[in-house]
Each structure stands twice: as structure tokens, then as C-alpha cells.
Amino acid sequence: MDDYPLLNLFLTMLYLFLWVMWFFLLFKVITDLFRDHSLNGWAKAGWLVLVILLPYVGVLIYLIVRGRSMHERDEKLAKDSEAAFRDYVRRAAGTEGGSGGSDHVKDLAKLAELKDKGAINAEEYEQAKAKLLA
């Protein structure tokens, strides 16, 4: 262990961390490229060639030029996924349990929407939910 000092161990760990983060960033950029519907095929191909042939410079240029829209696409995807999940839960819960369960589910969904819109606070939401479920 004497021929590999502690400082070299830390540097090796740092390089490994940076290498893993680099690949994460590279895959994030490539994924964003294919997810973006505002770019045509030639623009996507151009960005992809730039990112593959000049990886460090290409990714940095991509982040500088398209970083903000990259964030907006991530945010839209998260909101769409959450809306789809809520819709699925509402549909699944509405089909099970008959009409009585369906009424409670609708009421709970309305309460959740009111809470999300800010019409009621968290404490009022919990009280109303407890009253519905009792």
C-alpha cells in the first residue's frame, strides 16, 4: 500500500466520479435530443454528430444553447407523467368498489384538486379526507 499513497487514491476516486458523471451527462443530452419534437431530423443528426465527434465541446455547447429548453422538456414530462398517473388511479379506483367507492374516490379527487389549486390548505384537506373516509 506504500506505493499508492492516499492522495492518489482520492484522485482516482475523483476521476472515477467525474467519468461516471460525464457519461450521465452525455446520455442525458442524447436522450433529450431524441425527446425534443421541435427539432427536425437533420438538426438532431447534426447535434448527435457534434456530441459524438467532439464529446466534451459538443455537450458543453448543447448545454449552453439548449439547456433552458432541456429543463422545460424535463418539467413537462414530469407533469404529464403525474397527470397520467392520477388519471389512471382515478379510472382504476372508479371501476372497483361499485358506486359507493366511486363517490368517495371522486370526492377525494376533488379535495386533492382543491388542495393543489390552493383553495384549501393541508390541514383542511386532511380533516375533510378523514371525514370522507370515516
Protein backbone atom coordinates (compact mmCIF):
# COMPACT_ATOMS: atom_id res chain seq x y z
CA MET A 1 0.00 0.00 0.00
CA ASP A 2 3.03 2.29 0.33
CA ASP A 3 3.44 2.62 -3.43
CA TYR A 4 -0.11 4.03 -3.80
CA PRO A 5 -0.46 6.99 -1.38
CA LEU A 6 -3.74 8.28 0.00
CA LEU A 7 -3.72 11.35 -2.25
CA ASN A 8 -3.55 9.12 -5.33
CA LEU A 9 -6.49 7.13 -4.01
CA PHE A 10 -8.54 10.31 -3.63
CA LEU A 11 -7.57 11.47 -7.11
CA THR A 12 -8.52 8.10 -8.57
CA MET A 13 -11.90 8.29 -6.84
CA LEU A 14 -12.37 11.84 -8.15
CA TYR A 15 -11.52 10.80 -11.71
CA LEU A 16 -13.89 7.86 -11.49
CA PHE A 17 -16.66 10.11 -10.19
CA LEU A 18 -16.08 12.65 -12.97
CA TRP A 19 -16.01 9.88 -15.57
CA VAL A 20 -19.35 8.46 -14.38
CA MET A 21 -20.88 11.95 -14.23
CA TRP A 22 -19.63 12.63 -17.75
CA PHE A 23 -21.39 9.56 -19.12
CA PHE A 24 -24.53 10.51 -17.23
CA LEU A 25 -24.45 13.96 -18.83
CA LEU A 26 -23.73 12.53 -22.27
CA PHE A 27 -26.68 10.12 -22.08
CA LYS A 28 -28.90 12.91 -20.71
CA VAL A 29 -28.07 15.10 -23.72
CA ILE A 30 -28.62 12.29 -26.22
CA THR A 31 -31.93 11.37 -24.56
CA ASP A 32 -33.02 15.00 -24.64
CA LEU A 33 -32.12 15.20 -28.32
CA PHE A 34 -34.42 12.34 -29.24
CA ARG A 35 -37.21 13.55 -26.93
CA ASP A 36 -37.30 17.05 -28.44
CA HIS A 37 -40.08 17.29 -31.01
CA SER A 38 -39.23 20.86 -32.04
CA LEU A 39 -36.08 19.75 -33.89
CA ASN A 40 -36.25 18.15 -37.30
CA GLY A 41 -34.27 15.05 -38.22
CA TRP A 42 -31.33 16.94 -39.76
CA ALA A 43 -30.91 19.14 -36.70
CA LYS A 44 -30.97 16.09 -34.43
CA ALA A 45 -28.41 14.36 -36.65
CA GLY A 46 -26.18 17.44 -36.58
CA TRP A 47 -26.28 17.71 -32.80
CA LEU A 48 -25.66 13.97 -32.48
CA VAL A 49 -22.63 14.11 -34.79
CA LEU A 50 -21.26 17.08 -32.82
CA VAL A 51 -21.80 15.33 -29.49
CA ILE A 52 -20.21 12.08 -30.69
CA LEU A 53 -17.25 13.50 -32.65
CA LEU A 54 -16.39 16.26 -30.17
CA PRO A 55 -17.93 14.92 -26.96
CA TYR A 56 -16.74 17.48 -24.40
CA VAL A 57 -17.16 20.54 -26.59
CA GLY A 58 -20.38 19.25 -28.16
CA VAL A 59 -22.08 18.57 -24.84
CA LEU A 60 -20.99 21.91 -23.40
CA ILE A 61 -22.27 23.75 -26.49
CA TYR A 62 -25.54 21.81 -26.29
CA LEU A 63 -25.98 22.73 -22.62
CA ILE A 64 -25.24 26.39 -23.31
CA VAL A 65 -27.52 26.65 -26.34
CA ARG A 66 -30.37 24.35 -25.31
CA GLY A 67 -30.05 24.00 -21.52
CA ARG A 68 -33.13 26.04 -20.68
CA SER A 69 -35.39 24.19 -23.11
CA MET A 70 -33.91 20.92 -21.83
CA HIS A 71 -35.18 21.81 -18.35
CA GLU A 72 -38.59 22.79 -19.71
CA ARG A 73 -38.93 19.44 -21.50
CA ASP A 74 -37.99 17.58 -18.30
CA GLU A 75 -40.56 19.58 -16.35
CA LYS A 76 -43.29 18.95 -18.95
CA LEU A 77 -42.52 15.22 -18.96
CA ALA A 78 -42.79 15.08 -15.16
CA LYS A 79 -46.12 16.93 -15.18
CA ASP A 80 -47.51 14.74 -17.97
CA SER A 81 -46.41 11.58 -16.13
CA GLU A 82 -48.02 12.75 -12.91
CA ALA A 83 -51.26 13.67 -14.69
CA ALA A 84 -51.33 10.29 -16.45
CA PHE A 85 -50.74 8.51 -13.13
CA ARG A 86 -53.52 10.46 -11.39
CA ASP A 87 -55.86 9.76 -14.29
CA TYR A 88 -55.01 6.05 -14.15
CA VAL A 89 -55.60 5.93 -10.39
CA ARG A 90 -58.95 7.70 -10.76
CA ARG A 91 -60.05 5.34 -13.53
CA ALA A 92 -58.83 2.24 -11.68
CA ALA A 93 -60.41 3.27 -8.39
CA GLY A 94 -63.65 4.27 -10.11
CA THR A 95 -64.11 0.86 -11.69
CA GLU A 96 -63.52 -1.04 -8.45
CA GLY A 97 -65.75 -0.98 -5.40
CA GLY A 98 -69.07 -0.14 -7.03
CA SER A 99 -70.83 3.21 -6.92
CA GLY A 100 -70.23 3.89 -3.21
CA GLY A 101 -66.48 3.62 -3.59
CA SER A 102 -66.63 5.63 -6.77
CA ASP A 103 -68.31 8.53 -4.96
CA HIS A 104 -65.61 8.58 -2.31
CA VAL A 105 -62.93 8.47 -4.96
CA LYS A 106 -64.49 11.40 -6.81
CA ASP A 107 -64.77 13.37 -3.57
CA LEU A 108 -61.16 12.63 -2.69
CA ALA A 109 -60.07 13.65 -6.19
CA LYS A 110 -61.98 16.93 -5.84
CA LEU A 111 -60.32 17.53 -2.48
CA ALA A 112 -56.89 16.87 -3.97
CA GLU A 113 -57.59 19.30 -6.79
CA LEU A 114 -58.73 21.96 -4.33
CA LYS A 115 -55.57 21.45 -2.30
CA ASP A 116 -53.39 21.62 -5.44
CA LYS A 117 -55.07 24.84 -6.54
CA GLY A 118 -54.55 26.35 -3.09
CA ALA A 119 -58.25 26.70 -2.31
CA ILE A 120 -57.77 24.71 0.91
CA ASN A 121 -54.66 24.19 2.99
CA ALA A 122 -53.12 20.89 4.03
CA GLU A 123 -54.85 20.84 7.42
CA GLU A 124 -58.30 21.39 5.89
CA TYR A 125 -57.53 18.71 3.32
CA GLU A 126 -56.61 16.16 6.00
CA GLN A 127 -59.74 16.97 8.04
CA ALA A 128 -62.02 16.61 5.01
CA LYS A 129 -60.28 13.42 3.94
CA ALA A 130 -60.65 11.90 7.40
CA LYS A 131 -64.34 12.85 7.40
CA LEU A 132 -64.88 11.22 3.99
CA LEU A 133 -63.06 8.03 4.90
CA ALA A 134 -64.83 7.66 8.27
